C-alpha atoms as a PDB file:
ATOM      1  CA  MET A   1     130.430  97.885 142.714  1.00  0.00           C
ATOM      2  CA  LYS A   2     130.433  97.204 139.021  1.00  0.00           C
ATOM      3  CA  LYS A   3     131.829 100.148 136.753  1.00  0.00           C
ATOM      4  CA  TRP A   4     129.503  99.543 133.897  1.00  0.00           C
ATOM      5  CA  GLU A   5     126.014  97.934 133.783  1.00  0.00           C
ATOM      6  CA  PRO A   6     124.469  96.204 130.802  1.00  0.00           C
ATOM      7  CA  LEU A   7     123.255  98.863 128.269  1.00  0.00           C
ATOM      8  CA  ASN A   8     120.552  96.695 126.668  1.00  0.00           C
ATOM      9  CA  MET A   9     121.341  98.023 123.193  1.00  0.00           C
ATOM     10  CA  GLU A  10     118.478  95.944 121.530  1.00  0.00           C
ATOM     11  CA  ILE A  11     115.687  98.277 123.187  1.00  0.00           C
ATOM     12  CA  ARG A  12     118.021 101.300 122.830  1.00  0.00           C
ATOM     13  CA  SER A  13     118.667 100.808 118.945  1.00  0.00           C
ATOM     14  CA  TRP A  14     114.945 100.099 118.451  1.00  0.00           C
ATOM     15  CA  VAL A  15     113.707 103.414 120.164  1.00  0.00           C
ATOM     16  CA  ILE A  16     116.410 105.464 118.474  1.00  0.00           C
ATOM     17  CA  SER A  17     115.737 103.950 115.021  1.00  0.00           C
ATOM     18  CA  GLN A  18     112.031 104.698 115.489  1.00  0.00           C
ATOM     19  CA  VAL A  19     112.429 108.374 116.376  1.00  0.00           C
ATOM     20  CA  LEU A  20     114.998 108.743 113.511  1.00  0.00           C
ATOM     21  CA  ARG A  21     112.405 107.471 111.221  1.00  0.00           C
ATOM     22  CA  LEU A  22     110.083 110.207 112.601  1.00  0.00           C
ATOM     23  CA  GLU A  23     112.776 112.942 112.197  1.00  0.00           C
ATOM     24  CA  GLN A  24     113.375 111.713 108.595  1.00  0.00           C
ATOM     25  CA  THR A  25     109.698 111.971 107.685  1.00  0.00           C
ATOM     26  CA  SER A  26     109.218 115.392 109.324  1.00  0.00           C
ATOM     27  CA  SER A  27     112.294 116.661 107.154  1.00  0.00           C
ATOM     28  CA  ASP A  28     110.216 115.278 104.034  1.00  0.00           C
ATOM     29  CA  ALA A  29     107.008 116.819 104.901  1.00  0.00           C
ATOM     30  CA  LEU A  30     108.722 120.148 105.454  1.00  0.00           C
ATOM     31  CA  LYS A  31     110.672 119.982 102.150  1.00  0.00           C
ATOM     32  CA  THR A  32     107.431 119.323 100.278  1.00  0.00           C
ATOM     33  CA  ILE A  33     105.469 122.138 102.111  1.00  0.00           C
ATOM     34  CA  PHE A  34     108.224 124.615 101.349  1.00  0.00           C
ATOM     35  CA  ARG A  35     108.881 123.205  97.778  1.00  0.00           C
ATOM     36  CA  LEU A  36     112.644 122.736  98.611  1.00  0.00           C
ATOM     37  CA  PHE A  37     114.039 120.816  95.560  1.00  0.00           C
ATOM     38  CA  ASN A  38     117.763 121.042  96.729  1.00  0.00           C
ATOM     39  CA  GLU A  39     118.844 117.595  97.932  1.00  0.00           C
ATOM     40  CA  ASN A  40     121.562 119.007  99.975  1.00  0.00           C
ATOM     41  CA  SER A  41     119.386 121.327 101.925  1.00  0.00           C
ATOM     42  CA  LYS A  42     121.322 123.121 104.851  1.00  0.00           C
ATOM     43  CA  THR A  43     118.286 123.190 107.080  1.00  0.00           C
ATOM     44  CA  LEU A  44     116.402 119.918 106.184  1.00  0.00           C
ATOM     45  CA  GLY A  45     119.292 117.848 104.969  1.00  0.00           C
ATOM     46  CA  ASN A  46     121.783 115.850 107.135  1.00  0.00           C
ATOM     47  CA  GLN A  47     124.405 118.545 107.449  1.00  0.00           C
ATOM     48  CA  SER A  48     125.495 119.792 110.993  1.00  0.00           C
ATOM     49  CA  SER A  49     123.711 123.025 109.906  1.00  0.00           C
ATOM     50  CA  ALA A  50     120.275 121.265 109.709  1.00  0.00           C
ATOM     51  CA  LEU A  51     117.619 122.187 112.072  1.00  0.00           C
ATOM     52  CA  SER A  52     117.124 120.070 115.200  1.00  0.00           C
ATOM     53  CA  PHE A  53     114.155 117.625 115.396  1.00  0.00           C
ATOM     54  CA  LYS A  54     112.529 120.048 117.978  1.00  0.00           C
ATOM     55  CA  SER A  55     112.804 122.799 115.578  1.00  0.00           C
ATOM     56  CA  LYS A  56     111.079 120.850 112.740  1.00  0.00           C
ATOM     57  CA  ILE A  57     108.129 119.808 115.184  1.00  0.00           C
ATOM     58  CA  ASP A  58     107.735 123.550 116.195  1.00  0.00           C
ATOM     59  CA  LEU A  59     107.534 124.448 112.279  1.00  0.00           C
ATOM     60  CA  LEU A  60     104.993 121.910 111.739  1.00  0.00           C
ATOM     61  CA  TYR A  61     102.999 123.165 114.673  1.00  0.00           C
ATOM     62  CA  ASP A  62     103.252 126.765 113.804  1.00  0.00           C
ATOM     63  CA  LEU A  63     102.249 125.932 110.181  1.00  0.00           C
ATOM     64  CA  GLU A  64      99.074 124.193 111.884  1.00  0.00           C
ATOM     65  CA  GLU A  65      99.940 121.106 110.086  1.00  0.00           C
ATOM     66  CA  ILE A  66      99.860 119.037 113.388  1.00  0.00           C
ATOM     67  CA  ASP A  67      97.619 119.727 116.280  1.00  0.00           C
ATOM     68  CA  LYS A  68      98.506 120.109 120.130  1.00  0.00           C
ATOM     69  CA  THR A  69      98.057 116.490 120.960  1.00  0.00           C
ATOM     70  CA  GLU A  70     100.265 115.417 117.850  1.00  0.00           C
ATOM     71  CA  TYR A  71     102.806 117.923 118.975  1.00  0.00           C
ATOM     72  CA  ASN A  72     103.029 116.615 122.446  1.00  0.00           C
ATOM     73  CA  HIS A  73     103.267 113.087 121.329  1.00  0.00           C
ATOM     74  CA  LEU A  74     106.335 113.933 119.122  1.00  0.00           C
ATOM     75  CA  LEU A  75     107.976 115.958 121.901  1.00  0.00           C
ATOM     76  CA  LYS A  76     107.546 112.889 124.322  1.00  0.00           C
ATOM     77  CA  LEU A  77     108.855 110.479 121.778  1.00  0.00           C
ATOM     78  CA  MET A  78     111.856 112.703 121.171  1.00  0.00           C
ATOM     79  CA  GLU A  79     112.339 112.851 124.846  1.00  0.00           C
ATOM     80  CA  ILE A  80     112.278 109.125 125.368  1.00  0.00           C
ATOM     81  CA  ARG A  81     114.907 108.953 122.391  1.00  0.00           C
ATOM     82  CA  ASN A  82     117.249 111.274 124.287  1.00  0.00           C
ATOM     83  CA  GLN A  83     117.024 109.124 127.458  1.00  0.00           C
ATOM     84  CA  PHE A  84     117.807 105.812 125.671  1.00  0.00           C
ATOM     85  CA  ALA A  85     120.457 107.555 123.484  1.00  0.00           C
ATOM     86  CA  HIS A  86     122.292 109.382 126.221  1.00  0.00           C
ATOM     87  CA  ASN A  87     121.472 107.901 129.553  1.00  0.00           C
ATOM     88  CA  PRO A  88     123.357 104.839 130.593  1.00  0.00           C
ATOM     89  CA  TYR A  89     120.699 103.949 133.267  1.00  0.00           C
ATOM     90  CA  ALA A  90     117.828 103.990 130.636  1.00  0.00           C
ATOM     91  CA  VAL A  91     118.187 100.142 130.009  1.00  0.00           C
ATOM     92  CA  SER A  92     114.225  99.739 129.671  1.00  0.00           C
ATOM     93  CA  PHE A  93     110.868 101.630 129.587  1.00  0.00           C
ATOM     94  CA  GLU A  94     110.358 100.583 133.221  1.00  0.00           C
ATOM     95  CA  ALA A  95     113.750 101.986 134.207  1.00  0.00           C
ATOM     96  CA  LEU A  96     112.425 105.566 133.074  1.00  0.00           C
ATOM     97  CA  ASP A  97     110.317 105.367 136.423  1.00  0.00           C
ATOM     98  CA  SER A  98     113.271 106.135 138.381  1.00  0.00           C
ATOM     99  CA  ILE A  99     114.681 108.787 135.827  1.00  0.00           C
ATOM    100  CA  ASN A 100     111.588 110.638 134.973  1.00  0.00           C
ATOM    101  CA  PRO A 101     108.230 109.146 136.147  1.00  0.00           C
ATOM    102  CA  ASP A 102     106.241 111.800 134.072  1.00  0.00           C
ATOM    103  CA  ILE A 103     107.348 109.887 130.887  1.00  0.00           C
ATOM    104  CA  ASN A 104     105.663 106.535 131.596  1.00  0.00           C
ATOM    105  CA  ARG A 105     102.757 108.275 133.143  1.00  0.00           C
ATOM    106  CA  TYR A 106     102.311 109.969 129.778  1.00  0.00           C
ATOM    107  CA  LEU A 107     102.666 106.743 127.910  1.00  0.00           C
ATOM    108  CA  LEU A 108     100.050 104.784 130.014  1.00  0.00           C
ATOM    109  CA  LYS A 109      97.624 107.811 129.604  1.00  0.00           C
ATOM    110  CA  TYR A 110      97.131 106.946 125.931  1.00  0.00           C
ATOM    111  CA  GLU A 111      97.292 103.189 126.427  1.00  0.00           C
ATOM    112  CA  ASN A 112      94.726 101.291 124.356  1.00  0.00           C
ATOM    113  CA  LYS A 113      92.809  99.605 127.076  1.00  0.00           C
ATOM    114  CA  MET A 114      91.473  96.843 125.032  1.00  0.00           C
ATOM    115  CA  ALA A 115      95.019  95.395 124.143  1.00  0.00           C
ATOM    116  CA  GLY A 116      97.608  93.803 126.003  1.00  0.00           C
ATOM    117  CA  LYS A 117      95.941  93.016 129.364  1.00  0.00           C
ATOM    118  CA  ASP A 118      98.145  90.024 130.073  1.00  0.00           C
ATOM    119  CA  GLN A 119     101.220  91.819 129.198  1.00  0.00           C
ATOM    120  CA  THR A 120     104.113  92.761 131.437  1.00  0.00           C
ATOM    121  CA  ASN A 121     104.629  96.465 132.366  1.00  0.00           C
ATOM    122  CA  GLU A 122     107.666  96.614 130.073  1.00  0.00           C
ATOM    123  CA  ALA A 123     105.621  95.133 127.155  1.00  0.00           C
ATOM    124  CA  ARG A 124     102.592  97.542 127.809  1.00  0.00           C
ATOM    125  CA  LEU A 125     104.952 100.748 127.818  1.00  0.00           C
ATOM    126  CA  LYS A 126     106.909  99.429 124.776  1.00  0.00           C
ATOM    127  CA  SER A 127     103.416  98.919 122.976  1.00  0.00           C
ATOM    128  CA  VAL A 128     102.172 102.405 123.722  1.00  0.00           C
ATOM    129  CA  PHE A 129     105.446 103.868 122.455  1.00  0.00           C
ATOM    130  CA  ASN A 130     104.950 102.080 119.217  1.00  0.00           C
ATOM    131  CA  GLN A 131     101.246 103.158 119.047  1.00  0.00           C
ATOM    132  CA  LEU A 132     102.218 106.963 119.416  1.00  0.00           C
ATOM    133  CA  PHE A 133     104.963 106.337 116.743  1.00  0.00           C
ATOM    134  CA  VAL A 134     102.537 104.832 114.189  1.00  0.00           C
ATOM    135  CA  LEU A 135     100.070 107.724 115.070  1.00  0.00           C
ATOM    136  CA  THR A 136     102.549 110.321 114.399  1.00  0.00           C
ATOM    137  CA  VAL A 137     104.460 108.986 111.454  1.00  0.00           C
ATOM    138  CA  GLY A 138     101.227 108.358 109.852  1.00  0.00           C
ATOM    139  CA  LYS A 139     100.304 112.024 110.181  1.00  0.00           C
ATOM    140  CA  LEU A 140     103.590 113.225 108.847  1.00  0.00           C
ATOM    141  CA  LEU A 141     103.200 110.855 105.813  1.00  0.00           C
ATOM    142  CA  VAL A 142      99.869 112.293 105.139  1.00  0.00           C
ATOM    143  CA  ILE A 143     101.124 115.972 105.378  1.00  0.00           C
ATOM    144  CA  GLU A 144     103.813 115.029 102.830  1.00  0.00           C
ATOM    145  CA  MET A 145     101.286 113.050 100.541  1.00  0.00           C
ATOM    146  CA  GLU A 146      98.872 115.992 100.459  1.00  0.00           C
ATOM    147  CA  TYR A 147     101.307 118.712  99.696  1.00  0.00           C
ATOM    148  CA  SER A 148     102.790 116.310  96.937  1.00  0.00           C
ATOM    149  CA  LYS A 149      99.398 116.304  95.533  1.00  0.00           C
ATOM    150  CA  GLY A 150      99.211 120.023  95.743  1.00  0.00           C
ATOM    151  CA  ILE A 151     102.457 120.141  93.626  1.00  0.00           C
ATOM    152  CA  GLU A 152     100.901 117.982  91.025  1.00  0.00           C
ATOM    153  CA  LYS A 153      97.853 120.267  90.834  1.00  0.00           C
ATOM    154  CA  GLU A 154     100.066 123.262  90.583  1.00  0.00           C
ATOM    155  CA  MET A 155     102.044 121.640  87.822  1.00  0.00           C
ATOM    156  CA  ARG A 156      98.985 120.484  85.867  1.00  0.00           C
ATOM    157  CA  LYS A 157      97.636 124.363  86.102  1.00  0.00           C
ATOM    158  CA  HIS A 158     100.986 125.671  84.781  1.00  0.00           C
ATOM    159  CA  LEU A 159     101.158 123.280  81.989  1.00  0.00           C
ATOM    160  CA  ASN A 160      97.505 124.188  81.173  1.00  0.00           C
ATOM    161  CA  ASP A 161      98.020 127.664  81.285  1.00  0.00           C
ATOM    162  CA  LYS A 162     101.215 127.348  78.890  1.00  0.00           C
ATOM    163  CA  ILE A 163      99.019 125.646  76.470  1.00  0.00           C
ATOM    164  CA  VAL A 164      96.473 128.453  76.388  1.00  0.00           C
ATOM    165  CA  GLU A 165      99.138 131.001  76.129  1.00  0.00           C
ATOM    166  CA  ASN A 166     100.665 129.340  73.148  1.00  0.00           C
ATOM    167  CA  ILE A 167      97.419 127.877  71.573  1.00  0.00           C
ATOM    168  CA  GLU A 168      98.249 129.655  68.261  1.00  0.00           C
ATOM    169  CA  GLU A 169     101.577 127.933  67.937  1.00  0.00           C
ATOM    170  CA  ILE A 170      99.953 124.610  68.732  1.00  0.00           C
ATOM    171  CA  TRP A 171      97.170 125.527  66.123  1.00  0.00           C
ATOM    172  CA  ARG A 172      99.839 126.290  63.453  1.00  0.00           C
ATOM    173  CA  ASN A 173     101.584 122.929  64.149  1.00  0.00           C
ATOM    174  CA  ALA A 174      98.244 121.122  63.756  1.00  0.00           C
ATOM    175  CA  LEU A 175      97.653 122.813  60.522  1.00  0.00           C
ATOM    176  CA  GLN A 176     101.007 122.018  59.163  1.00  0.00           C
ATOM    177  CA  MET A 177     100.785 118.271  60.032  1.00  0.00           C
ATOM    178  CA  ASN A 178      97.303 118.067  58.539  1.00  0.00           C
ATOM    179  CA  ASN A 179      98.540 119.880  55.246  1.00  0.00           C
ATOM    180  CA  GLU A 180     101.448 117.398  55.043  1.00  0.00           C
ATOM    181  CA  GLN A 181      99.023 114.447  55.152  1.00  0.00           C
ATOM    182  CA  LYS A 182      96.414 116.285  52.610  1.00  0.00           C
ATOM    183  CA  SER A 183      99.596 116.510  50.038  1.00  0.00           C
ATOM    184  CA  GLU A 184      99.975 112.649  50.404  1.00  0.00           C
ATOM    185  CA  THR A 185      96.274 112.074  49.742  1.00  0.00           C
ATOM    186  CA  PRO A 186      94.283 112.089  46.377  1.00  0.00           C
ATOM    187  CA  ILE A 187      92.253 115.505  46.144  1.00  0.00           C
ATOM    188  CA  LEU A 188      89.093 113.561  45.256  1.00  0.00           C
ATOM    189  CA  LEU A 189      89.189 111.688  48.582  1.00  0.00           C
ATOM    190  CA  ILE A 190      89.524 114.903  50.485  1.00  0.00           C
ATOM    191  CA  LEU A 191      86.618 116.352  48.573  1.00  0.00           C
ATOM    192  CA  ASN A 192      84.426 113.264  49.282  1.00  0.00           C
ATOM    193  CA  ASN A 193      85.259 112.793  52.893  1.00  0.00           C
ATOM    194  CA  GLY A 194      84.730 116.092  54.733  1.00  0.00           C
ATOM    195  CA  GLU A 195      83.784 114.662  57.970  1.00  0.00           C
ATOM    196  CA  LYS A 196      86.808 112.358  58.278  1.00  0.00           C
ATOM    197  CA  GLU A 197      89.043 115.396  57.348  1.00  0.00           C
ATOM    198  CA  ILE A 198      87.503 117.257  60.420  1.00  0.00           C
ATOM    199  CA  GLU A 199      88.276 114.228  62.586  1.00  0.00           C
ATOM    200  CA  LYS A 200      91.720 114.004  61.184  1.00  0.00           C
ATOM    201  CA  PHE A 201      92.547 117.691  61.874  1.00  0.00           C
ATOM    202  CA  TYR A 202      91.027 117.223  65.652  1.00  0.00           C
ATOM    203  CA  LEU A 203      93.478 114.401  66.035  1.00  0.00           C
ATOM    204  CA  ASN A 204      96.369 116.321  64.682  1.00  0.00           C
ATOM    205  CA  PHE A 205      95.524 119.122  66.982  1.00  0.00           C
ATOM    206  CA  ARG A 206      95.563 116.784  69.998  1.00  0.00           C
ATOM    207  CA  ILE A 207      98.809 115.303  68.897  1.00  0.00           C
ATOM    208  CA  ALA A 208     100.441 118.780  68.513  1.00  0.00           C
ATOM    209  CA  MET A 209      98.991 119.737  71.963  1.00  0.00           C
ATOM    210  CA  SER A 210     100.309 116.710  73.446  1.00  0.00           C
ATOM    211  CA  LYS A 211     103.826 117.235  71.960  1.00  0.00           C
ATOM    212  CA  TYR A 212     103.855 120.820  73.504  1.00  0.00           C
ATOM    213  CA  PHE A 213     102.808 119.251  76.822  1.00  0.00           C
ATOM    214  CA  GLN A 214     105.512 116.916  76.851  1.00  0.00           C
ATOM    215  CA  THR A 215     108.147 119.695  75.761  1.00  0.00           C
ATOM    216  CA  GLU A 216     106.996 121.839  78.656  1.00  0.00           C
ATOM    217  CA  LEU A 217     107.055 118.979  80.914  1.00  0.00           C
ATOM    218  CA  ARG A 218     110.518 118.109  80.211  1.00  0.00           C
ATOM    219  CA  ALA A 219     111.601 122.020  80.807  1.00  0.00           C
ATOM    220  CA  ILE A 220     109.921 121.794  84.128  1.00  0.00           C
ATOM    221  CA  ALA A 221     112.282 118.979  85.128  1.00  0.00           C
ATOM    222  CA  GLY A 222     115.198 121.310  85.207  1.00  0.00           C
ATOM    223  CA  ASP A 223     115.881 124.590  86.976  1.00  0.00           C
ATOM    224  CA  LYS A 224     112.414 125.840  85.668  1.00  0.00           C
ATOM    225  CA  MET A 225     110.734 123.881  88.491  1.00  0.00           C
ATOM    226  CA  LYS A 226     111.688 126.891  90.892  1.00  0.00           C
ATOM    227  CA  ALA A 227     110.165 129.233  88.612  1.00  0.00           C
ATOM    228  CA  VAL A 228     106.753 127.281  88.718  1.00  0.00           C
ATOM    229  CA  PHE A 229     106.511 126.401  92.400  1.00  0.00           C
ATOM    230  CA  LYS A 230     108.275 129.573  93.816  1.00  0.00           C
ATOM    231  CA  GLN A 231     106.492 132.265  92.076  1.00  0.00           C
ATOM    232  CA  LYS A 232     107.229 135.832  93.226  1.00  0.00           C
ATOM    233  CA  VAL A 233     106.551 139.350  91.622  1.00  0.00           C
ATOM    234  CA  THR A 234     109.883 140.960  91.789  1.00  0.00           C
ATOM    235  CA  SER A 235     110.093 144.857  92.418  1.00  0.00           C
ATOM    236  CA  LYS A 236     111.618 145.139  88.988  1.00  0.00           C
ATOM    237  CA  LYS A 237     108.635 143.406  87.331  1.00  0.00           C
ATOM    238  CA  THR A 238     106.168 145.441  89.358  1.00  0.00           C
ATOM    239  CA  TYR A 239     108.025 148.639  88.311  1.00  0.00           C
ATOM    240  CA  LYS A 240     108.079 147.545  84.570  1.00  0.00           C
ATOM    241  CA  GLU A 241     104.252 146.737  84.540  1.00  0.00           C
ATOM    242  CA  LEU A 242     103.487 150.198  86.317  1.00  0.00           C
ATOM    243  CA  ASN A 243     105.343 151.891  83.576  1.00  0.00           C
ATOM    244  CA  LYS A 244     103.685 149.899  80.839  1.00  0.00           C
ATOM    245  CA  ASP A 245     100.241 150.920  82.413  1.00  0.00           C
ATOM    246  CA  VAL A 246     101.217 154.587  82.437  1.00  0.00           C
ATOM    247  CA  GLU A 247     102.398 154.397  78.966  1.00  0.00           C
ATOM    248  CA  GLU A 248      99.185 153.021  77.572  1.00  0.00           C
ATOM    249  CA  LYS A 249      97.058 155.509  79.473  1.00  0.00           C
ATOM    250  CA  ASN A 250      99.369 158.366  77.728  1.00  0.00           C
END
């Protein structure tokens, strides 16, 4: 009796790498959902303290970002990965029949009946595994993309709100630019060209607004990012606002 049988590392490494990509994508989706900007996240990074793949899937399901079928697909892919990663007898998909027949029954349940009619059973099982991988990784990528667009929308709203709050400052800057240009222009030309002066001031106002926009955008790129996307009303702030209301009423 042989001590060791061939491990078929080609199929093992392929399955493990596919599910590893799934786990990485699930982490990226959750980071975007929770607005986690820390690259060295303890829960969603690569440290020993990071959540397990199962916990990440559970979170996505609890957040209702994936449905029951997608959740089950991810669990099954993870189960298959575990067999190929830890079981020396899992040398092929067909070998899973003698380990846990439910795995291949699950795969064949979702087989595309129009494809692979002339394939071997091993090829069929591998093909379905890949189909479920494409389906689930696609869903995770869509989640990440949709929440990324949500971040962009929040950023635009924040910048627009800041412009409205500071419109007087922007207006003063536009006036200053306009006055500096006037001092360089003969007075007769200004008097005889009112419509162009209005257009010039409008252009200066847009320039001043763009400068403010860029300044605020650079500020957001730093630690201020957290203040924009992780807004909370602290007890201290609430207490201060309540006191202000009482003082105004008195």
